[in-house]
Amino acid sequence: MKQDKVAGLIGLATKAGKTADGEFCTEREVKSGKAALVIVAGDASDNTKKKFQNMCDFYKVPIYFYKDKDTLGHAMGKEFRASLAILDQGFAGSIKKYMEDARQSGRE
């Protein structure tokens, strides 16, 4: 399934030092212009989702909602995470491609 590729890419980006996770770090990277993509857990609070959606709209950073906090954290080899920023255009492009494919095939 394509979503597993997303988790794999998040893991690779993390190992390469190309992610920032947690609300504060994700926000900092978006505002500094370093974030190429933001991923927020599907089970994050409505407040968190709205905050990042608005911030990403304003700073023109693509944002995707992905599975849940456990899956997101696990992909990074950490405890649960509600949000993360991908700081590399290459990784961001690949993740976006898989996210779009999943969205279009209705397997979000």
N, C-alpha and C. Protein backbone atom coordinates (compact mmCIF):
# COMPACT_ATOMS: atom_id res chain seq x y z
N MET A 1 0.83 -1.21 0.00
CA MET A 1 0.00 0.00 0.00
C MET A 1 0.87 1.26 0.00
N LYS A 2 0.43 2.27 -0.67
CA LYS A 2 1.22 3.49 -0.85
C LYS A 2 1.55 4.21 0.47
N GLN A 3 0.62 4.17 1.41
CA GLN A 3 0.85 4.90 2.66
C GLN A 3 2.11 4.41 3.37
N ASP A 4 2.44 3.13 3.23
CA ASP A 4 3.64 2.61 3.87
C ASP A 4 4.89 3.25 3.28
N LYS A 5 4.81 3.62 2.01
CA LYS A 5 5.92 4.31 1.37
C LYS A 5 6.08 5.69 2.00
N VAL A 6 4.97 6.33 2.35
CA VAL A 6 5.03 7.63 3.01
C VAL A 6 5.78 7.50 4.33
N ALA A 7 5.41 6.50 5.13
CA ALA A 7 6.08 6.27 6.42
C ALA A 7 7.57 6.00 6.21
N GLY A 8 7.88 5.22 5.17
CA GLY A 8 9.28 4.91 4.85
C GLY A 8 10.07 6.16 4.50
N LEU A 9 9.45 7.02 3.69
CA LEU A 9 10.12 8.26 3.29
C LEU A 9 10.30 9.21 4.48
N ILE A 10 9.31 9.24 5.37
CA ILE A 10 9.45 10.06 6.59
C ILE A 10 10.63 9.55 7.41
N GLY A 11 10.74 8.23 7.49
CA GLY A 11 11.87 7.63 8.22
C GLY A 11 13.21 7.98 7.60
N LEU A 12 13.29 7.89 6.28
CA LEU A 12 14.54 8.23 5.58
C LEU A 12 14.89 9.70 5.77
N ALA A 13 13.87 10.56 5.64
CA ALA A 13 14.11 12.00 5.81
C ALA A 13 14.60 12.30 7.23
N THR A 14 14.03 11.59 8.21
CA THR A 14 14.44 11.78 9.61
C THR A 14 15.89 11.37 9.80
N LYS A 15 16.25 10.19 9.27
CA LYS A 15 17.64 9.70 9.37
C LYS A 15 18.62 10.67 8.70
N ALA A 16 18.15 11.30 7.62
CA ALA A 16 19.00 12.24 6.88
C ALA A 16 19.05 13.62 7.56
N GLY A 17 18.29 13.76 8.66
CA GLY A 17 18.28 15.05 9.38
C GLY A 17 17.47 16.11 8.65
N LYS A 18 16.50 15.68 7.86
CA LYS A 18 15.71 16.61 7.05
C LYS A 18 14.27 16.76 7.56
N THR A 19 14.05 16.51 8.84
CA THR A 19 12.72 16.73 9.41
C THR A 19 12.83 17.55 10.69
N ALA A 20 11.75 18.21 11.02
CA ALA A 20 11.63 18.91 12.30
C ALA A 20 10.27 18.47 12.84
N ASP A 21 10.25 17.96 14.07
CA ASP A 21 8.99 17.45 14.57
C ASP A 21 8.58 18.16 15.86
N GLY A 22 7.31 18.00 16.18
CA GLY A 22 6.75 18.69 17.34
C GLY A 22 6.22 20.04 16.89
N GLU A 23 5.22 20.49 17.62
CA GLU A 23 4.51 21.70 17.21
C GLU A 23 5.42 22.92 17.09
N PHE A 24 6.27 23.15 18.10
CA PHE A 24 7.12 24.34 18.12
C PHE A 24 8.12 24.32 16.95
N CYS A 25 8.80 23.19 16.75
CA CYS A 25 9.81 23.10 15.69
C CYS A 25 9.18 23.17 14.30
N THR A 26 8.03 22.51 14.15
CA THR A 26 7.34 22.56 12.85
C THR A 26 6.97 23.99 12.51
N GLU A 27 6.40 24.69 13.50
CA GLU A 27 5.99 26.09 13.30
C GLU A 27 7.19 26.96 12.94
N ARG A 28 8.30 26.78 13.66
CA ARG A 28 9.52 27.56 13.42
C ARG A 28 10.03 27.37 11.99
N GLU A 29 10.04 26.12 11.52
CA GLU A 29 10.54 25.84 10.17
C GLU A 29 9.63 26.40 9.08
N VAL A 30 8.32 26.37 9.32
CA VAL A 30 7.37 26.95 8.35
C VAL A 30 7.63 28.46 8.26
N LYS A 31 7.70 29.11 9.42
CA LYS A 31 7.86 30.57 9.44
C LYS A 31 9.23 31.02 8.93
N SER A 32 10.24 30.16 9.05
CA SER A 32 11.58 30.53 8.59
C SER A 32 11.73 30.24 7.09
N GLY A 33 10.72 29.57 6.50
CA GLY A 33 10.78 29.28 5.08
C GLY A 33 11.54 28.02 4.73
N LYS A 34 11.95 27.24 5.74
CA LYS A 34 12.72 26.03 5.47
C LYS A 34 11.84 24.80 5.21
N ALA A 35 10.59 24.85 5.66
CA ALA A 35 9.71 23.69 5.51
C ALA A 35 9.25 23.54 4.05
N ALA A 36 9.47 22.36 3.48
CA ALA A 36 9.04 22.09 2.11
C ALA A 36 7.65 21.44 2.12
N LEU A 37 7.30 20.85 3.27
CA LEU A 37 6.04 20.13 3.41
C LEU A 37 5.74 19.95 4.89
N VAL A 38 4.48 20.06 5.25
CA VAL A 38 4.08 19.81 6.65
C VAL A 38 3.12 18.63 6.66
N ILE A 39 3.33 17.73 7.62
CA ILE A 39 2.43 16.59 7.79
C ILE A 39 1.88 16.65 9.21
N VAL A 40 0.56 16.60 9.31
CA VAL A 40 -0.11 16.65 10.62
C VAL A 40 -0.89 15.35 10.78
N ALA A 41 -0.84 14.77 11.96
CA ALA A 41 -1.56 13.52 12.24
C ALA A 41 -3.07 13.74 12.09
N GLY A 42 -3.73 12.78 11.51
CA GLY A 42 -5.17 12.85 11.31
C GLY A 42 -5.95 12.94 12.60
N ASP A 43 -5.34 12.42 13.70
CA ASP A 43 -6.04 12.46 14.98
C ASP A 43 -5.54 13.58 15.89
N ALA A 44 -4.81 14.54 15.31
CA ALA A 44 -4.40 15.73 16.08
C ALA A 44 -5.67 16.52 16.42
N SER A 45 -5.57 17.39 17.40
CA SER A 45 -6.76 18.17 17.79
C SER A 45 -7.18 19.09 16.64
N ASP A 46 -8.47 19.41 16.62
CA ASP A 46 -8.99 20.32 15.59
C ASP A 46 -8.24 21.64 15.62
N ASN A 47 -7.90 22.08 16.82
CA ASN A 47 -7.17 23.32 17.00
C ASN A 47 -5.80 23.26 16.31
N THR A 48 -5.10 22.15 16.52
CA THR A 48 -3.78 21.96 15.91
C THR A 48 -3.89 21.91 14.40
N LYS A 49 -4.87 21.16 13.89
CA LYS A 49 -5.06 21.06 12.43
C LYS A 49 -5.34 22.43 11.83
N LYS A 50 -6.24 23.17 12.46
CA LYS A 50 -6.63 24.49 11.96
C LYS A 50 -5.43 25.45 11.98
N LYS A 51 -4.68 25.42 13.06
CA LYS A 51 -3.51 26.29 13.21
C LYS A 51 -2.50 26.03 12.08
N PHE A 52 -2.18 24.75 11.84
CA PHE A 52 -1.21 24.44 10.80
C PHE A 52 -1.77 24.67 9.40
N GLN A 53 -3.07 24.39 9.21
CA GLN A 53 -3.69 24.64 7.90
C GLN A 53 -3.59 26.13 7.57
N ASN A 54 -3.96 26.98 8.51
CA ASN A 54 -3.91 28.43 8.30
C ASN A 54 -2.48 28.91 8.08
N MET A 55 -1.55 28.41 8.88
CA MET A 55 -0.15 28.81 8.77
C MET A 55 0.43 28.39 7.42
N CYS A 56 0.13 27.15 7.01
CA CYS A 56 0.66 26.65 5.73
C CYS A 56 0.04 27.39 4.55
N ASP A 57 -1.24 27.73 4.66
CA ASP A 57 -1.89 28.53 3.61
C ASP A 57 -1.19 29.87 3.49
N PHE A 58 -0.94 30.49 4.64
CA PHE A 58 -0.33 31.82 4.66
C PHE A 58 1.09 31.79 4.09
N TYR A 59 1.88 30.80 4.51
CA TYR A 59 3.28 30.72 4.06
C TYR A 59 3.45 29.90 2.79
N LYS A 60 2.31 29.46 2.21
CA LYS A 60 2.32 28.69 0.96
C LYS A 60 3.18 27.43 1.05
N VAL A 61 2.95 26.68 2.12
CA VAL A 61 3.64 25.39 2.31
C VAL A 61 2.58 24.29 2.17
N PRO A 62 2.84 23.28 1.35
CA PRO A 62 1.86 22.19 1.23
C PRO A 62 1.67 21.48 2.57
N ILE A 63 0.44 21.08 2.86
CA ILE A 63 0.15 20.39 4.12
C ILE A 63 -0.70 19.17 3.82
N TYR A 64 -0.38 18.08 4.52
CA TYR A 64 -1.15 16.84 4.39
C TYR A 64 -1.48 16.32 5.77
N PHE A 65 -2.63 15.66 5.85
CA PHE A 65 -3.03 15.01 7.10
C PHE A 65 -2.84 13.52 6.88
N TYR A 66 -2.12 12.89 7.81
CA TYR A 66 -1.69 11.50 7.62
C TYR A 66 -2.02 10.64 8.83
N LYS A 67 -2.72 9.57 8.60
CA LYS A 67 -3.06 8.55 9.61
C LYS A 67 -3.24 9.09 11.02
N ASP A 68 -2.34 8.72 11.95
CA ASP A 68 -2.50 9.15 13.34
C ASP A 68 -1.15 9.43 14.00
N LYS A 69 -1.19 9.94 15.22
CA LYS A 69 0.03 10.36 15.93
C LYS A 69 1.00 9.20 16.12
N ASP A 70 0.47 8.02 16.45
CA ASP A 70 1.33 6.85 16.66
C ASP A 70 2.08 6.49 15.38
N THR A 71 1.36 6.46 14.26
CA THR A 71 1.97 6.11 12.97
C THR A 71 3.02 7.14 12.58
N LEU A 72 2.70 8.40 12.79
CA LEU A 72 3.62 9.48 12.45
C LEU A 72 4.89 9.39 13.29
N GLY A 73 4.72 9.22 14.59
CA GLY A 73 5.87 9.09 15.49
C GLY A 73 6.70 7.85 15.16
N HIS A 74 6.00 6.73 14.94
CA HIS A 74 6.67 5.47 14.63
C HIS A 74 7.51 5.60 13.36
N ALA A 75 6.98 6.30 12.36
CA ALA A 75 7.71 6.50 11.10
C ALA A 75 9.02 7.23 11.35
N MET A 76 9.04 8.07 12.38
CA MET A 76 10.25 8.83 12.71
C MET A 76 11.12 8.10 13.71
N GLY A 77 10.65 6.95 14.17
CA GLY A 77 11.40 6.20 15.18
C GLY A 77 11.32 6.85 16.54
N LYS A 78 10.18 7.51 16.81
CA LYS A 78 10.00 8.21 18.08
C LYS A 78 8.64 7.87 18.68
N GLU A 79 8.35 8.50 19.81
CA GLU A 79 7.02 8.39 20.39
C GLU A 79 6.05 9.12 19.47
N PHE A 80 4.79 9.12 19.81
CA PHE A 80 3.80 9.75 18.94
C PHE A 80 4.12 11.23 18.68
N ARG A 81 3.80 11.65 17.46
CA ARG A 81 4.02 13.03 17.02
C ARG A 81 2.75 13.52 16.34
N ALA A 82 2.37 14.76 16.61
CA ALA A 82 1.17 15.33 15.98
C ALA A 82 1.53 16.07 14.70
N SER A 83 2.77 16.55 14.59
CA SER A 83 3.14 17.32 13.40
C SER A 83 4.63 17.20 13.11
N LEU A 84 4.96 17.35 11.84
CA LEU A 84 6.37 17.40 11.46
C LEU A 84 6.50 18.18 10.16
N ALA A 85 7.68 18.72 9.95
CA ALA A 85 7.99 19.45 8.72
C ALA A 85 9.09 18.68 8.00
N ILE A 86 8.94 18.53 6.69
CA ILE A 86 9.99 17.95 5.85
C ILE A 86 10.78 19.13 5.30
N LEU A 87 12.10 19.11 5.49
CA LEU A 87 12.93 20.26 5.15
C LEU A 87 13.68 20.10 3.83
N ASP A 88 13.37 19.05 3.10
CA ASP A 88 14.09 18.76 1.86
C ASP A 88 13.10 18.65 0.71
N GLN A 89 13.34 19.38 -0.37
CA GLN A 89 12.40 19.40 -1.51
C GLN A 89 12.25 18.02 -2.14
N GLY A 90 13.33 17.27 -2.20
CA GLY A 90 13.30 15.93 -2.80
C GLY A 90 12.37 15.00 -2.05
N PHE A 91 12.58 14.91 -0.72
CA PHE A 91 11.71 14.08 0.11
C PHE A 91 10.27 14.59 0.05
N ALA A 92 10.11 15.90 0.11
CA ALA A 92 8.77 16.50 0.10
C ALA A 92 8.05 16.13 -1.19
N GLY A 93 8.75 16.21 -2.31
CA GLY A 93 8.15 15.89 -3.60
C GLY A 93 7.69 14.44 -3.67
N SER A 94 8.53 13.53 -3.19
CA SER A 94 8.18 12.10 -3.20
C SER A 94 6.98 11.83 -2.29
N ILE A 95 6.98 12.41 -1.10
CA ILE A 95 5.88 12.19 -0.16
C ILE A 95 4.58 12.75 -0.74
N LYS A 96 4.66 13.95 -1.31
CA LYS A 96 3.46 14.56 -1.93
C LYS A 96 2.89 13.66 -3.01
N LYS A 97 3.77 13.08 -3.82
CA LYS A 97 3.33 12.20 -4.90
C LYS A 97 2.54 11.01 -4.35
N TYR A 98 3.07 10.37 -3.31
CA TYR A 98 2.38 9.22 -2.72
C TYR A 98 1.08 9.63 -2.04
N MET A 99 1.10 10.79 -1.39
CA MET A 99 -0.11 11.28 -0.73
C MET A 99 -1.20 11.56 -1.76
N GLU A 100 -0.82 12.18 -2.88
CA GLU A 100 -1.79 12.49 -3.93
C GLU A 100 -2.33 11.21 -4.56
N ASP A 101 -1.44 10.25 -4.81
CA ASP A 101 -1.88 8.96 -5.36
C ASP A 101 -2.90 8.30 -4.45
N ALA A 102 -2.61 8.30 -3.15
CA ALA A 102 -3.52 7.68 -2.18
C ALA A 102 -4.84 8.42 -2.13
N ARG A 103 -4.77 9.75 -2.18
CA ARG A 103 -5.98 10.56 -2.12
C ARG A 103 -6.87 10.29 -3.34
N GLN A 104 -6.24 10.21 -4.51
CA GLN A 104 -7.01 10.00 -5.74
C GLN A 104 -7.61 8.59 -5.81
N SER A 105 -6.93 7.63 -5.22
CA SER A 105 -7.47 6.27 -5.26
C SER A 105 -8.41 6.02 -4.08
N GLY A 106 -8.62 7.06 -3.25
CA GLY A 106 -9.58 6.96 -2.15
C GLY A 106 -9.11 6.12 -0.98
N ARG A 107 -7.78 5.99 -0.82
CA ARG A 107 -7.25 5.17 0.27
C ARG A 107 -6.59 6.00 1.34
N GLU A 108 -7.01 7.21 1.53
CA GLU A 108 -6.39 8.12 2.49
C GLU A 108 -6.39 7.54 3.87
